[in-house]
Amino acid sequence: MERFLRSVSAAFLLLLLLLASAEMGPMVVEGRICESHSEKYQELTGKFLGLCLSSRECSVVCVAAEDFEDGKCKGFISRCVCSKKC
């Protein structure tokens, strides 16, 4: 009887392990995002001290002039920050 209980317990644990691993599936990993302050935002937009007021405008400058994928206004003193996958 004791041997039967061990076998049933082992089979049950194996079944739980298989179900848990099947539920996880393949893991998706995102690439890192590299960010850099825009060097051309001030000269192309004429903004005083390069203050970023429009994330859309920042994105256009980053994509068109600096070869990045996106751009956003970030920080306490809003600056244009360009980003792309590393």
Protein backbone atom coordinates (compact mmCIF):
# COMPACT_ATOMS: atom_id res chain seq x y z
CA MET A 1 0.00 0.00 0.00
CA GLU A 2 2.82 2.38 0.89
CA ARG A 3 4.54 1.73 -2.42
CA PHE A 4 1.30 2.47 -4.29
CA LEU A 5 0.93 5.84 -2.51
CA ARG A 6 4.50 6.80 -3.40
CA SER A 7 3.89 5.94 -7.05
CA VAL A 8 0.66 7.93 -7.16
CA SER A 9 2.32 10.90 -5.45
CA ALA A 10 5.27 10.81 -7.85
CA ALA A 11 2.94 10.60 -10.87
CA PHE A 12 0.86 13.50 -9.54
CA LEU A 13 3.94 15.69 -9.02
CA LEU A 14 5.21 14.84 -12.50
CA LEU A 15 1.85 15.79 -13.98
CA LEU A 16 1.86 19.12 -12.10
CA LEU A 17 5.39 19.84 -13.30
CA LEU A 18 4.43 19.14 -16.92
CA LEU A 19 1.35 21.34 -16.69
CA ALA A 20 3.29 24.20 -15.12
CA SER A 21 6.01 24.13 -17.76
CA ALA A 22 3.49 23.90 -20.63
CA GLU A 23 1.65 26.96 -19.31
CA MET A 24 4.75 29.13 -19.35
CA GLY A 25 5.41 28.70 -23.06
CA PRO A 26 8.25 30.44 -24.86
CA MET A 27 9.57 33.55 -23.19
CA VAL A 28 9.76 36.75 -25.21
CA VAL A 29 12.70 39.03 -24.54
CA GLU A 30 12.68 42.67 -25.52
CA GLY A 31 15.84 44.35 -26.67
CA ARG A 32 17.41 47.19 -24.74
CA ILE A 33 16.51 50.76 -25.61
CA CYS A 34 19.40 53.21 -26.02
CA GLU A 35 18.67 56.88 -25.39
CA SER A 36 20.61 60.02 -26.24
CA HIS A 37 19.93 63.74 -25.90
CA SER A 38 19.21 65.27 -29.29
CA GLU A 39 22.11 67.31 -30.63
CA LYS A 40 20.17 68.88 -33.51
CA TYR A 41 16.84 69.73 -31.82
CA GLN A 42 17.79 73.31 -30.91
CA GLU A 43 19.28 74.22 -34.28
CA LEU A 44 16.45 72.68 -36.32
CA THR A 45 13.56 74.03 -34.23
CA GLY A 46 15.05 77.35 -33.10
CA LYS A 47 13.93 76.66 -29.51
CA PHE A 48 15.66 78.74 -26.82
CA LEU A 49 18.20 76.56 -24.99
CA GLY A 50 16.77 73.48 -26.67
CA LEU A 51 13.71 73.28 -24.40
CA CYS A 52 11.41 70.55 -25.66
CA LEU A 53 7.75 71.51 -25.75
CA SER A 54 6.40 68.96 -28.22
CA SER A 55 7.22 65.23 -28.17
CA ARG A 56 5.89 65.00 -31.73
CA GLU A 57 8.36 67.64 -32.93
CA CYS A 58 11.14 65.92 -31.00
CA SER A 59 10.28 62.60 -32.62
CA VAL A 60 10.38 64.14 -36.10
CA VAL A 61 13.84 65.63 -35.47
CA CYS A 62 15.18 62.36 -34.01
CA VAL A 63 13.89 60.22 -36.87
CA ALA A 64 14.69 62.58 -39.77
CA ALA A 65 17.93 64.23 -38.68
CA GLU A 66 19.56 61.93 -36.17
CA ASP A 67 18.75 58.43 -37.45
CA PHE A 68 16.87 57.26 -34.34
CA GLU A 69 13.54 55.41 -34.14
CA ASP A 70 11.68 57.78 -31.79
CA GLY A 71 12.01 60.84 -29.60
CA LYS A 72 10.23 62.28 -26.55
CA CYS A 73 10.47 65.25 -24.23
CA LYS A 74 11.88 64.05 -20.89
CA GLY A 75 13.17 65.39 -17.64
CA PHE A 76 12.48 68.24 -15.21
CA ILE A 77 14.00 70.71 -17.66
CA SER A 78 12.28 69.23 -20.69
CA ARG A 79 14.86 68.07 -23.23
CA CYS A 80 14.45 66.12 -26.44
CA VAL A 81 15.67 62.54 -25.92
CA CYS A 82 16.05 60.27 -28.95
CA SER A 83 15.73 56.49 -28.60
CA LYS A 84 16.34 53.32 -30.61
CA LYS A 85 16.90 49.62 -30.02
CA CYS A 86 20.54 48.93 -29.21
